[in-house]
C-alpha atoms as a PDB file:
ATOM      1  CA  MET A   1     113.787  99.538  79.243  1.00  0.00           C
ATOM      2  CA  ALA A   2     113.743  96.995  76.434  1.00  0.00           C
ATOM      3  CA  HIS A   3     110.769  94.623  76.161  1.00  0.00           C
ATOM      4  CA  PRO A   4     112.181  91.243  77.270  1.00  0.00           C
ATOM      5  CA  PHE A   5     109.524  89.327  75.320  1.00  0.00           C
ATOM      6  CA  ALA A   6     109.787  91.233  72.020  1.00  0.00           C
ATOM      7  CA  GLY A   7     109.283  88.940  69.043  1.00  0.00           C
ATOM      8  CA  GLY A   8     108.079  86.036  71.167  1.00  0.00           C
ATOM      9  CA  SER A   9     105.769  83.459  69.601  1.00  0.00           C
ATOM     10  CA  HIS A  10     103.664  82.999  72.753  1.00  0.00           C
ATOM     11  CA  PRO A  11     102.402  85.053  75.711  1.00  0.00           C
ATOM     12  CA  PRO A  12     105.050  85.679  78.401  1.00  0.00           C
ATOM     13  CA  ARG A  13     105.322  82.744  80.790  1.00  0.00           C
ATOM     14  CA  ILE A  14     106.485  83.974  84.201  1.00  0.00           C
ATOM     15  CA  LEU A  15     107.198  82.047  87.399  1.00  0.00           C
ATOM     16  CA  LEU A  16     107.100  83.981  90.673  1.00  0.00           C
ATOM     17  CA  VAL A  17     109.018  82.419  93.539  1.00  0.00           C
ATOM     18  CA  LYS A  18     107.901  83.532  96.996  1.00  0.00           C
ATOM     19  CA  THR A  19     107.412  80.543  99.224  1.00  0.00           C
ATOM     20  CA  SER A  20     106.786  81.845 102.750  1.00  0.00           C
ATOM     21  CA  SER A  21     105.843  83.175 105.232  1.00  0.00           C
ATOM     22  CA  LEU A  22     102.216  84.329 105.122  1.00  0.00           C
ATOM     23  CA  GLY A  23     103.081  88.034 105.297  1.00  0.00           C
ATOM     24  CA  ASP A  24     105.913  87.683 102.767  1.00  0.00           C
ATOM     25  CA  VAL A  25     103.631  85.917 100.292  1.00  0.00           C
ATOM     26  CA  LEU A  26     101.043  88.671 100.673  1.00  0.00           C
ATOM     27  CA  HIS A  27     103.710  91.323 100.077  1.00  0.00           C
ATOM     28  CA  ASN A  28     104.408  89.727  96.694  1.00  0.00           C
ATOM     29  CA  LEU A  29     100.814  89.912  95.424  1.00  0.00           C
ATOM     30  CA  PRO A  30     101.259  93.442  93.991  1.00  0.00           C
ATOM     31  CA  VAL A  31     103.921  91.995  91.660  1.00  0.00           C
ATOM     32  CA  ALA A  32     101.219  89.921  89.941  1.00  0.00           C
ATOM     33  CA  SER A  33      99.065  93.050  89.586  1.00  0.00           C
ATOM     34  CA  ASP A  34     101.979  95.009  88.102  1.00  0.00           C
ATOM     35  CA  ILE A  35     102.748  92.268  85.587  1.00  0.00           C
ATOM     36  CA  MET A  36      99.163  92.113  84.364  1.00  0.00           C
ATOM     37  CA  ARG A  37      99.099  95.878  84.007  1.00  0.00           C
ATOM     38  CA  HIS A  38     102.118  95.790  81.677  1.00  0.00           C
ATOM     39  CA  TYR A  39     101.657  92.332  80.108  1.00  0.00           C
ATOM     40  CA  PRO A  40      97.908  91.620  80.079  1.00  0.00           C
ATOM     41  CA  ASP A  41      98.387  88.306  78.261  1.00  0.00           C
ATOM     42  CA  ALA A  42     101.103  87.021  80.621  1.00  0.00           C
ATOM     43  CA  GLN A  43     100.770  83.535  82.084  1.00  0.00           C
ATOM     44  CA  ILE A  44     101.801  83.799  85.727  1.00  0.00           C
ATOM     45  CA  ASP A  45     102.627  80.777  87.867  1.00  0.00           C
ATOM     46  CA  TRP A  46     103.647  80.925  91.537  1.00  0.00           C
ATOM     47  CA  LEU A  47     105.903  78.621  93.565  1.00  0.00           C
ATOM     48  CA  VAL A  48     104.800  78.710  97.222  1.00  0.00           C
ATOM     49  CA  GLU A  49     104.907  76.675 100.411  1.00  0.00           C
ATOM     50  CA  GLU A  50     101.877  74.355 100.455  1.00  0.00           C
ATOM     51  CA  SER A  51     100.363  75.875 103.611  1.00  0.00           C
ATOM     52  CA  PHE A  52     100.119  79.281 101.927  1.00  0.00           C
ATOM     53  CA  ALA A  53      98.938  78.118  98.489  1.00  0.00           C
ATOM     54  CA  ALA A  54      95.464  79.600  99.043  1.00  0.00           C
ATOM     55  CA  LEU A  55      96.868  83.147  98.972  1.00  0.00           C
ATOM     56  CA  PRO A  56      98.184  83.407  95.385  1.00  0.00           C
ATOM     57  CA  ARG A  57      95.058  81.534  94.263  1.00  0.00           C
ATOM     58  CA  LEU A  58      93.030  84.567  95.394  1.00  0.00           C
ATOM     59  CA  HIS A  59      94.717  86.686  92.691  1.00  0.00           C
ATOM     60  CA  PRO A  60      92.923  86.475  89.319  1.00  0.00           C
ATOM     61  CA  ALA A  61      96.188  86.937  87.390  1.00  0.00           C
ATOM     62  CA  VAL A  62      97.809  83.794  88.811  1.00  0.00           C
ATOM     63  CA  ARG A  63      97.174  80.882  86.447  1.00  0.00           C
ATOM     64  CA  ASN A  64      98.789  78.033  88.326  1.00  0.00           C
ATOM     65  CA  VAL A  65     100.077  77.560  91.873  1.00  0.00           C
ATOM     66  CA  ILE A  66     102.943  75.099  92.387  1.00  0.00           C
ATOM     67  CA  PRO A  67     103.052  74.004  96.039  1.00  0.00           C
ATOM     68  CA  VAL A  68     106.288  72.946  97.722  1.00  0.00           C
ATOM     69  CA  ALA A  69     106.499  71.274 101.123  1.00  0.00           C
ATOM     70  CA  LEU A  70     109.926  72.218 102.475  1.00  0.00           C
ATOM     71  CA  ARG A  71     108.632  72.717 106.007  1.00  0.00           C
ATOM     72  CA  ARG A  72     107.022  69.283 106.099  1.00  0.00           C
ATOM     73  CA  TRP A  73     109.865  67.513 104.273  1.00  0.00           C
ATOM     74  CA  ARG A  74     112.534  68.780 106.692  1.00  0.00           C
ATOM     75  CA  GLY A  75     111.162  66.623 109.475  1.00  0.00           C
ATOM     76  CA  LYS A  76     110.763  63.469 107.350  1.00  0.00           C
ATOM     77  CA  LEU A  77     113.940  63.193 105.281  1.00  0.00           C
ATOM     78  CA  LEU A  78     114.352  59.512 106.218  1.00  0.00           C
ATOM     79  CA  SER A  79     110.984  58.655 104.692  1.00  0.00           C
ATOM     80  CA  ALA A  80     110.805  57.127 101.206  1.00  0.00           C
ATOM     81  CA  ALA A  81     107.447  58.847 100.732  1.00  0.00           C
ATOM     82  CA  THR A  82     109.120  62.217 101.281  1.00  0.00           C
ATOM     83  CA  TRP A  83     111.687  61.539  98.555  1.00  0.00           C
ATOM     84  CA  ARG A  84     108.932  60.451  96.183  1.00  0.00           C
ATOM     85  CA  GLU A  85     107.193  63.763  96.850  1.00  0.00           C
ATOM     86  CA  ILE A  86     110.418  65.678  96.220  1.00  0.00           C
ATOM     87  CA  ALA A  87     110.930  63.848  92.928  1.00  0.00           C
ATOM     88  CA  ALA A  88     107.331  64.563  91.885  1.00  0.00           C
ATOM     89  CA  PHE A  89     107.815  68.250  92.717  1.00  0.00           C
ATOM     90  CA  ARG A  90     110.977  68.414  90.601  1.00  0.00           C
ATOM     91  CA  ASP A  91     109.168  66.778  87.693  1.00  0.00           C
ATOM     92  CA  THR A  92     106.279  69.232  87.998  1.00  0.00           C
ATOM     93  CA  LEU A  93     108.601  72.222  88.022  1.00  0.00           C
ATOM     94  CA  ALA A  94     110.681  70.935  85.098  1.00  0.00           C
ATOM     95  CA  ALA A  95     107.537  70.353  83.026  1.00  0.00           C
ATOM     96  CA  GLN A  96     106.179  73.851  83.656  1.00  0.00           C
ATOM     97  CA  PRO A  97     106.597  76.157  80.617  1.00  0.00           C
ATOM     98  CA  CYS A  98     108.565  79.212  81.742  1.00  0.00           C
ATOM     99  CA  ASP A  99     110.414  82.071  80.054  1.00  0.00           C
ATOM    100  CA  ILE A 100     111.582  83.831  83.191  1.00  0.00           C
ATOM    101  CA  ALA A 101     111.554  83.022  86.919  1.00  0.00           C
ATOM    102  CA  ILE A 102     111.785  85.806  89.510  1.00  0.00           C
ATOM    103  CA  ASP A 103     112.777  85.007  93.093  1.00  0.00           C
ATOM    104  CA  THR A 104     111.707  87.830  95.378  1.00  0.00           C
ATOM    105  CA  GLN A 105     112.496  85.772  98.488  1.00  0.00           C
ATOM    106  CA  GLY A 106     116.241  86.340  98.206  1.00  0.00           C
ATOM    107  CA  LEU A 107     117.137  83.240 100.224  1.00  0.00           C
ATOM    108  CA  LEU A 108     119.394  80.310  99.435  1.00  0.00           C
ATOM    109  CA  LYS A 109     116.451  77.881  99.727  1.00  0.00           C
ATOM    110  CA  SER A 110     114.318  79.777  97.222  1.00  0.00           C
ATOM    111  CA  ALA A 111     117.224  80.202  94.804  1.00  0.00           C
ATOM    112  CA  LEU A 112     117.889  76.454  94.961  1.00  0.00           C
ATOM    113  CA  LEU A 113     114.231  75.627  94.371  1.00  0.00           C
ATOM    114  CA  MET A 114     114.069  77.643  91.159  1.00  0.00           C
ATOM    115  CA  ARG A 115     117.067  75.857  89.644  1.00  0.00           C
ATOM    116  CA  GLY A 116     114.627  73.236  88.406  1.00  0.00           C
ATOM    117  CA  THR A 117     112.903  75.652  86.042  1.00  0.00           C
ATOM    118  CA  HIS A 118     113.871  76.144  82.395  1.00  0.00           C
ATOM    119  CA  GLY A 119     113.363  79.921  82.403  1.00  0.00           C
ATOM    120  CA  LEU A 120     115.921  82.673  82.951  1.00  0.00           C
ATOM    121  CA  ARG A 121     116.484  82.754  86.716  1.00  0.00           C
ATOM    122  CA  CYS A 122     116.414  86.282  88.135  1.00  0.00           C
ATOM    123  CA  GLY A 123     116.826  87.693  91.632  1.00  0.00           C
ATOM    124  CA  PHE A 124     118.396  90.301  93.862  1.00  0.00           C
ATOM    125  CA  ASP A 125     122.114  90.987  93.531  1.00  0.00           C
ATOM    126  CA  ARG A 126     124.389  90.081  96.435  1.00  0.00           C
ATOM    127  CA  HIS A 127     124.088  93.535  97.995  1.00  0.00           C
ATOM    128  CA  SER A 128     120.280  93.361  97.930  1.00  0.00           C
ATOM    129  CA  ALA A 129     119.419  89.727  98.735  1.00  0.00           C
ATOM    130  CA  ARG A 130     118.584  88.724 102.295  1.00  0.00           C
ATOM    131  CA  GLU A 131     121.149  85.944 101.918  1.00  0.00           C
ATOM    132  CA  PRO A 132     123.948  87.165  99.605  1.00  0.00           C
ATOM    133  CA  LEU A 133     124.925  83.620  98.601  1.00  0.00           C
ATOM    134  CA  ALA A 134     121.553  83.252  96.862  1.00  0.00           C
ATOM    135  CA  ALA A 135     122.674  85.753  94.204  1.00  0.00           C
ATOM    136  CA  SER A 136     125.311  83.318  92.946  1.00  0.00           C
ATOM    137  CA  LEU A 137     122.557  80.911  91.854  1.00  0.00           C
ATOM    138  CA  TYR A 138     120.691  83.387  89.636  1.00  0.00           C
ATOM    139  CA  GLN A 139     121.486  83.912  85.955  1.00  0.00           C
ATOM    140  CA  GLN A 140     120.550  87.605  86.136  1.00  0.00           C
ATOM    141  CA  THR A 141     120.686  89.825  89.213  1.00  0.00           C
ATOM    142  CA  TYR A 142     119.450  93.339  89.925  1.00  0.00           C
ATOM    143  CA  PRO A 143     120.215  95.940  92.607  1.00  0.00           C
ATOM    144  CA  VAL A 144     117.290  96.982  94.777  1.00  0.00           C
ATOM    145  CA  ALA A 145     117.896  99.422  97.605  1.00  0.00           C
ATOM    146  CA  THR A 146     117.422  98.083 101.107  1.00  0.00           C
ATOM    147  CA  GLY A 147     115.654 100.176 103.730  1.00  0.00           C
ATOM    148  CA  GLN A 148     112.406 100.116 101.741  1.00  0.00           C
ATOM    149  CA  HIS A 149     109.212  98.284 102.529  1.00  0.00           C
ATOM    150  CA  ALA A 150     109.198  94.683 101.280  1.00  0.00           C
ATOM    151  CA  VAL A 151     106.285  95.381  98.920  1.00  0.00           C
ATOM    152  CA  GLU A 152     108.294  97.988  97.022  1.00  0.00           C
ATOM    153  CA  ARG A 153     111.449  95.866  96.934  1.00  0.00           C
ATOM    154  CA  ASN A 154     109.482  93.008  95.388  1.00  0.00           C
ATOM    155  CA  ARG A 155     107.876  95.320  92.835  1.00  0.00           C
ATOM    156  CA  GLN A 156     111.169  96.951  91.871  1.00  0.00           C
ATOM    157  CA  LEU A 157     112.916  93.631  91.328  1.00  0.00           C
ATOM    158  CA  ALA A 158     110.155  92.355  89.046  1.00  0.00           C
ATOM    159  CA  ALA A 159     110.027  95.660  87.149  1.00  0.00           C
ATOM    160  CA  GLN A 160     113.735  95.471  86.376  1.00  0.00           C
ATOM    161  CA  ALA A 161     113.577  91.811  85.382  1.00  0.00           C
ATOM    162  CA  LEU A 162     110.591  92.341  83.084  1.00  0.00           C
ATOM    163  CA  GLY A 163     111.534  95.730  81.658  1.00  0.00           C
ATOM    164  CA  TYR A 164     108.781  98.074  82.839  1.00  0.00           C
ATOM    165  CA  THR A 165     108.641 101.213  84.961  1.00  0.00           C
ATOM    166  CA  LEU A 166     106.514 101.440  88.088  1.00  0.00           C
ATOM    167  CA  GLN A 167     104.088 104.327  87.919  1.00  0.00           C
ATOM    168  CA  SER A 168     101.181 103.326  90.158  1.00  0.00           C
ATOM    169  CA  ARG A 169     100.597 102.480  93.800  1.00  0.00           C
ATOM    170  CA  ALA A 170     100.800  98.899  94.990  1.00  0.00           C
ATOM    171  CA  ASP A 171      97.640  96.920  94.235  1.00  0.00           C
ATOM    172  CA  TYR A 172      97.235  93.556  95.986  1.00  0.00           C
ATOM    173  CA  GLY A 173      94.547  92.605  93.483  1.00  0.00           C
ATOM    174  CA  ILE A 174      92.680  90.138  95.707  1.00  0.00           C
ATOM    175  CA  HIS A 175      89.149  89.803  97.043  1.00  0.00           C
ATOM    176  CA  PRO A 176      87.803  87.494  99.740  1.00  0.00           C
ATOM    177  CA  PRO A 177      86.301  84.201  98.579  1.00  0.00           C
ATOM    178  CA  ALA A 178      82.559  84.339  97.974  1.00  0.00           C
ATOM    179  CA  THR A 179      81.252  82.241 100.852  1.00  0.00           C
ATOM    180  CA  ALA A 180      78.116  82.276 102.965  1.00  0.00           C
ATOM    181  CA  ARG A 181      78.253  83.873 106.391  1.00  0.00           C
ATOM    182  CA  PRO A 182      79.086  81.057 108.836  1.00  0.00           C
ATOM    183  CA  ALA A 183      76.390  79.918 111.245  1.00  0.00           C
ATOM    184  CA  TRP A 184      78.527  80.749 114.286  1.00  0.00           C
ATOM    185  CA  LEU A 185      78.766  84.428 113.262  1.00  0.00           C
ATOM    186  CA  ALA A 186      75.644  86.344 114.237  1.00  0.00           C
ATOM    187  CA  GLU A 187      74.276  89.079 111.988  1.00  0.00           C
ATOM    188  CA  GLY A 188      75.528  92.623 112.458  1.00  0.00           C
ATOM    189  CA  ALA A 189      78.841  94.444 112.380  1.00  0.00           C
ATOM    190  CA  TYR A 190      81.924  92.783 113.813  1.00  0.00           C
ATOM    191  CA  ALA A 191      85.617  93.482 114.320  1.00  0.00           C
ATOM    192  CA  VAL A 192      88.336  90.850 114.255  1.00  0.00           C
ATOM    193  CA  LEU A 193      90.914  90.950 117.050  1.00  0.00           C
ATOM    194  CA  LEU A 194      94.078  89.124 115.957  1.00  0.00           C
ATOM    195  CA  HIS A 195      95.669  88.582 119.351  1.00  0.00           C
ATOM    196  CA  ALA A 196      97.869  85.606 118.333  1.00  0.00           C
ATOM    197  CA  THR A 197     101.362  85.718 116.847  1.00  0.00           C
ATOM    198  CA  SER A 198     104.458  83.552 116.484  1.00  0.00           C
ATOM    199  CA  ARG A 199     106.511  85.090 119.321  1.00  0.00           C
ATOM    200  CA  ALA A 200     105.600  85.904 122.889  1.00  0.00           C
ATOM    201  CA  ASP A 201     107.314  89.297 122.718  1.00  0.00           C
ATOM    202  CA  LYS A 202     104.960  90.309 119.880  1.00  0.00           C
ATOM    203  CA  LEU A 203     101.864  89.847 122.034  1.00  0.00           C
ATOM    204  CA  TRP A 204      99.843  92.824 123.253  1.00  0.00           C
ATOM    205  CA  ASP A 205      98.771  93.031 126.878  1.00  0.00           C
ATOM    206  CA  GLU A 206      95.422  91.335 127.499  1.00  0.00           C
ATOM    207  CA  ALA A 207      94.166  94.377 129.377  1.00  0.00           C
ATOM    208  CA  GLY A 208      94.542  96.333 126.137  1.00  0.00           C
ATOM    209  CA  TRP A 209      92.412  93.836 124.216  1.00  0.00           C
ATOM    210  CA  ILE A 210      89.756  93.939 126.905  1.00  0.00           C
ATOM    211  CA  ALA A 211      89.627  97.748 126.875  1.00  0.00           C
ATOM    212  CA  LEU A 212      89.419  97.729 123.077  1.00  0.00           C
ATOM    213  CA  GLY A 213      86.669  95.116 123.214  1.00  0.00           C
ATOM    214  CA  ALA A 214      84.687  97.209 125.682  1.00  0.00           C
ATOM    215  CA  TYR A 215      84.918 100.199 123.327  1.00  0.00           C
ATOM    216  CA  LEU A 216      83.715  98.140 120.353  1.00  0.00           C
ATOM    217  CA  HIS A 217      80.872  96.614 122.370  1.00  0.00           C
ATOM    218  CA  GLY A 218      79.763 100.128 123.231  1.00  0.00           C
ATOM    219  CA  LYS A 219      79.541 100.818 119.489  1.00  0.00           C
ATOM    220  CA  ASN A 220      77.447  97.665 118.907  1.00  0.00           C
ATOM    221  CA  ILE A 221      80.321  95.950 117.130  1.00  0.00           C
ATOM    222  CA  ARG A 222      80.886  92.343 118.145  1.00  0.00           C
ATOM    223  CA  CYS A 223      84.458  91.087 118.578  1.00  0.00           C
ATOM    224  CA  VAL A 224      85.703  87.888 116.914  1.00  0.00           C
ATOM    225  CA  LEU A 225      88.899  86.336 118.276  1.00  0.00           C
ATOM    226  CA  PRO A 226      90.471  83.774 115.881  1.00  0.00           C
ATOM    227  CA  TRP A 227      93.117  81.296 117.016  1.00  0.00           C
ATOM    228  CA  GLY A 228      95.494  78.735 115.528  1.00  0.00           C
ATOM    229  CA  SER A 229      96.846  76.653 118.421  1.00  0.00           C
ATOM    230  CA  GLU A 230      95.546  75.339 121.718  1.00  0.00           C
ATOM    231  CA  ALA A 231      97.395  78.055 123.651  1.00  0.00           C
ATOM    232  CA  GLU A 232      95.889  80.701 121.365  1.00  0.00           C
ATOM    233  CA  LYS A 233      92.445  79.152 121.747  1.00  0.00           C
ATOM    234  CA  ALA A 234      92.776  79.368 125.531  1.00  0.00           C
ATOM    235  CA  ARG A 235      93.674  83.062 125.248  1.00  0.00           C
ATOM    236  CA  SER A 236      90.775  83.633 122.849  1.00  0.00           C
ATOM    237  CA  LEU A 237      88.339  82.021 125.271  1.00  0.00           C
ATOM    238  CA  ARG A 238      89.780  84.021 128.160  1.00  0.00           C
ATOM    239  CA  LEU A 239      89.428  87.307 126.271  1.00  0.00           C
ATOM    240  CA  ALA A 240      85.961  86.410 124.969  1.00  0.00           C
ATOM    241  CA  HIS A 241      84.838  85.785 128.560  1.00  0.00           C
ATOM    242  CA  ALA A 242      85.995  89.302 129.504  1.00  0.00           C
ATOM    243  CA  ILE A 243      84.568  91.080 126.415  1.00  0.00           C
ATOM    244  CA  PRO A 244      80.751  91.192 126.240  1.00  0.00           C
ATOM    245  CA  ASP A 245      79.228  89.224 123.317  1.00  0.00           C
ATOM    246  CA  ALA A 246      82.667  88.308 121.907  1.00  0.00           C
ATOM    247  CA  ILE A 247      83.015  85.163 119.784  1.00  0.00           C
ATOM    248  CA  THR A 248      85.698  82.494 119.762  1.00  0.00           C
ATOM    249  CA  PRO A 249      85.243  80.932 116.305  1.00  0.00           C
ATOM    250  CA  PRO A 250      86.181  77.420 115.222  1.00  0.00           C
ATOM    251  CA  ARG A 251      89.661  77.030 113.781  1.00  0.00           C
ATOM    252  CA  LEU A 252      89.734  78.655 110.328  1.00  0.00           C
ATOM    253  CA  ASP A 253      91.657  77.762 107.187  1.00  0.00           C
ATOM    254  CA  LEU A 254      93.102  80.554 105.035  1.00  0.00           C
ATOM    255  CA  ASN A 255      90.013  80.856 102.858  1.00  0.00           C
ATOM    256  CA  GLY A 256      87.786  81.021 105.915  1.00  0.00           C
ATOM    257  CA  ALA A 257      90.043  83.635 107.473  1.00  0.00           C
ATOM    258  CA  ALA A 258      90.014  85.702 104.265  1.00  0.00           C
ATOM    259  CA  SER A 259      86.213  85.649 104.168  1.00  0.00           C
ATOM    260  CA  LEU A 260      86.009  86.691 107.821  1.00  0.00           C
ATOM    261  CA  LEU A 261      88.574  89.478 107.483  1.00  0.00           C
ATOM    262  CA  GLY A 262      87.202  90.804 104.205  1.00  0.00           C
ATOM    263  CA  ALA A 263      83.712  91.411 105.615  1.00  0.00           C
ATOM    264  CA  ALA A 264      84.796  92.888 108.956  1.00  0.00           C
ATOM    265  CA  HIS A 265      84.104  96.457 110.033  1.00  0.00           C
ATOM    266  CA  ALA A 266      87.752  96.571 111.112  1.00  0.00           C
ATOM    267  CA  VAL A 267      90.653  94.334 112.032  1.00  0.00           C
ATOM    268  CA  ILE A 268      93.082  95.008 114.863  1.00  0.00           C
ATOM    269  CA  GLY A 269      96.082  92.730 115.056  1.00  0.00           C
ATOM    270  CA  VAL A 270      99.569  92.221 116.376  1.00  0.00           C
ATOM    271  CA  ASP A 271     102.503  91.499 114.039  1.00  0.00           C
ATOM    272  CA  THR A 272     101.000  88.517 112.230  1.00  0.00           C
ATOM    273  CA  GLY A 273     100.376  87.531 108.631  1.00  0.00           C
ATOM    274  CA  LEU A 274      96.596  87.656 108.978  1.00  0.00           C
ATOM    275  CA  ALA A 275      96.791  91.390 109.716  1.00  0.00           C
ATOM    276  CA  HIS A 276      98.574  91.835 106.371  1.00  0.00           C
ATOM    277  CA  LEU A 277      95.835  89.778 104.720  1.00  0.00           C
ATOM    278  CA  ALA A 278      93.173  92.076 106.158  1.00  0.00           C
ATOM    279  CA  ALA A 279      95.001  95.145 104.855  1.00  0.00           C
ATOM    280  CA  ALA A 280      95.424  93.518 101.427  1.00  0.00           C
ATOM    281  CA  LEU A 281      91.652  92.945 101.343  1.00  0.00           C
ATOM    282  CA  ASN A 282      91.086  96.698 101.906  1.00  0.00           C
ATOM    283  CA  THR A 283      89.602  96.187 105.350  1.00  0.00           C
ATOM    284  CA  PRO A 284      90.440  99.012 107.803  1.00  0.00           C
ATOM    285  CA  THR A 285      93.296  97.500 109.793  1.00  0.00           C
ATOM    286  CA  ILE A 286      95.323  98.604 112.806  1.00  0.00           C
ATOM    287  CA  GLY A 287      98.685  96.919 113.356  1.00  0.00           C
ATOM    288  CA  ILE A 288     100.045  96.724 116.909  1.00  0.00           C
ATOM    289  CA  TYR A 289     103.842  96.374 117.161  1.00  0.00           C
ATOM    290  CA  THR A 290     105.631  95.606 120.412  1.00  0.00           C
ATOM    291  CA  ALA A 291     108.890  93.881 119.381  1.00  0.00           C
ATOM    292  CA  THR A 292     109.413  94.722 115.699  1.00  0.00           C
ATOM    293  CA  ASP A 293     109.803  97.847 113.563  1.00  0.00           C
ATOM    294  CA  PRO A 294     106.895  98.234 111.095  1.00  0.00           C
ATOM    295  CA  THR A 295     108.920 100.475 108.758  1.00  0.00           C
ATOM    296  CA  LEU A 296     110.137  97.629 106.533  1.00  0.00           C
ATOM    297  CA  THR A 297     107.454  94.959 106.956  1.00  0.00           C
ATOM    298  CA  GLY A 298     104.462  96.668 108.571  1.00  0.00           C
ATOM    299  CA  LEU A 299     100.972  96.951 107.113  1.00  0.00           C
ATOM    300  CA  TYR A 300     101.216  98.506 103.667  1.00  0.00           C
ATOM    301  CA  ALA A 301      98.023  99.221 101.813  1.00  0.00           C
ATOM    302  CA  GLY A 302      96.880 102.852 101.995  1.00  0.00           C
ATOM    303  CA  ALA A 303      94.854 105.297 104.032  1.00  0.00           C
ATOM    304  CA  HIS A 304      92.699 102.651 105.731  1.00  0.00           C
ATOM    305  CA  ILE A 305      95.590 101.181 107.740  1.00  0.00           C
ATOM    306  CA  ALA A 306      97.725 102.330 110.658  1.00  0.00           C
ATOM    307  CA  ASN A 307     100.874 100.909 112.250  1.00  0.00           C
ATOM    308  CA  LEU A 308     101.259 101.646 115.955  1.00  0.00           C
ATOM    309  CA  GLY A 309     104.197 100.931 118.252  1.00  0.00           C
ATOM    310  CA  ASN A 310     107.745  99.716 117.655  1.00  0.00           C
ATOM    311  CA  ILE A 311     110.463  97.700 119.385  1.00  0.00           C
ATOM    312  CA  ASP A 312     109.793  97.918 123.153  1.00  0.00           C
ATOM    313  CA  ARG A 313     107.201 100.667 122.516  1.00  0.00           C
ATOM    314  CA  ALA A 314     103.810  99.013 122.668  1.00  0.00           C
ATOM    315  CA  PRO A 315     100.882 101.394 122.113  1.00  0.00           C
ATOM    316  CA  ASP A 316      98.276 101.759 124.826  1.00  0.00           C
ATOM    317  CA  ALA A 317      94.578 101.044 124.331  1.00  0.00           C
ATOM    318  CA  ALA A 318      93.737 104.739 123.958  1.00  0.00           C
ATOM    319  CA  ALA A 319      96.130 105.080 121.001  1.00  0.00           C
ATOM    320  CA  VAL A 320      94.667 101.989 119.319  1.00  0.00           C
ATOM    321  CA  ILE A 321      91.097 103.231 119.811  1.00  0.00           C
ATOM    322  CA  ASP A 322      92.030 106.652 118.432  1.00  0.00           C
ATOM    323  CA  ALA A 323      93.588 105.082 115.310  1.00  0.00           C
ATOM    324  CA  LEU A 324      90.540 102.857 114.898  1.00  0.00           C
ATOM    325  CA  GLN A 325      88.179 105.820 115.086  1.00  0.00           C
ATOM    326  CA  ARG A 326      90.064 107.457 112.220  1.00  0.00           C
ATOM    327  CA  ALA A 327      90.442 104.331 110.063  1.00  0.00           C
ATOM    328  CA  ALA A 328      86.922 102.947 110.560  1.00  0.00           C
ATOM    329  CA  PRO A 329      84.516 105.548 112.005  1.00  0.00           C
ATOM    330  CA  CYS A 330      81.444 104.071 113.651  1.00  0.00           C
END
């Protein structure tokens, strides 16, 4: 492929557009690694929903993160303060130097957001985008086969837009923040049990968590049960009461969660973005699927991960323990 920046007077200035959700943002991190492999002097910026801005900041190749607050703005469109924020966002985006913008979200909202940039706007063609209408808003579109994992679709789109060939495995390129071990976390090995998720049908039976916790306790590995809402906190406390020496931590922000996950012996989680974060940090991770198919959006990081279950086919505790023994022997 031709070098799209041949003869340029400055390093390539690239805007990545992947706004949400947590798992989707994580699945786009290998794009930044690929770009730096082929264009080491590239200046990479990233447009992302404000609540997930900590994730692209973990990647050393990302120079600048541009937060957007669509989720918050939707509920406050009658507020003058909201419209001032929207105007400030548009000004920020318009002032950002950019040669090319790549929208790997493939949604109408993301395509509309990138219209404020000065760079060449690129995205999936109408047969490849999640919302075909989005393709009409790009200046250059590319076909990317569906039926592949989201990580590879993102990588293939960027490779076509930037004129390089993919030859290596996906590399998330991130490391957990360097923070001190929190006071509430006792010394010794621990596993993180991500029992919480956005939909009730994605939950795993509490008896399974308790059996898994008993196995880990027998291996002298303490269980940590994070939470994000009051209902999840109640479940965490309930499970911690049934699992010997288990810990219900305080509510964690994304950096705190990354530090916790990155130093864990293993992470076991339902279909939730934090499980993808653990896998991206190279922590042995077991994904438990009860209502979704992991083929297209499951954990995707290498030999240290395993996806178990599928739609209406939840794995039992024995299968999870067996996968854990292989991914993270203890």
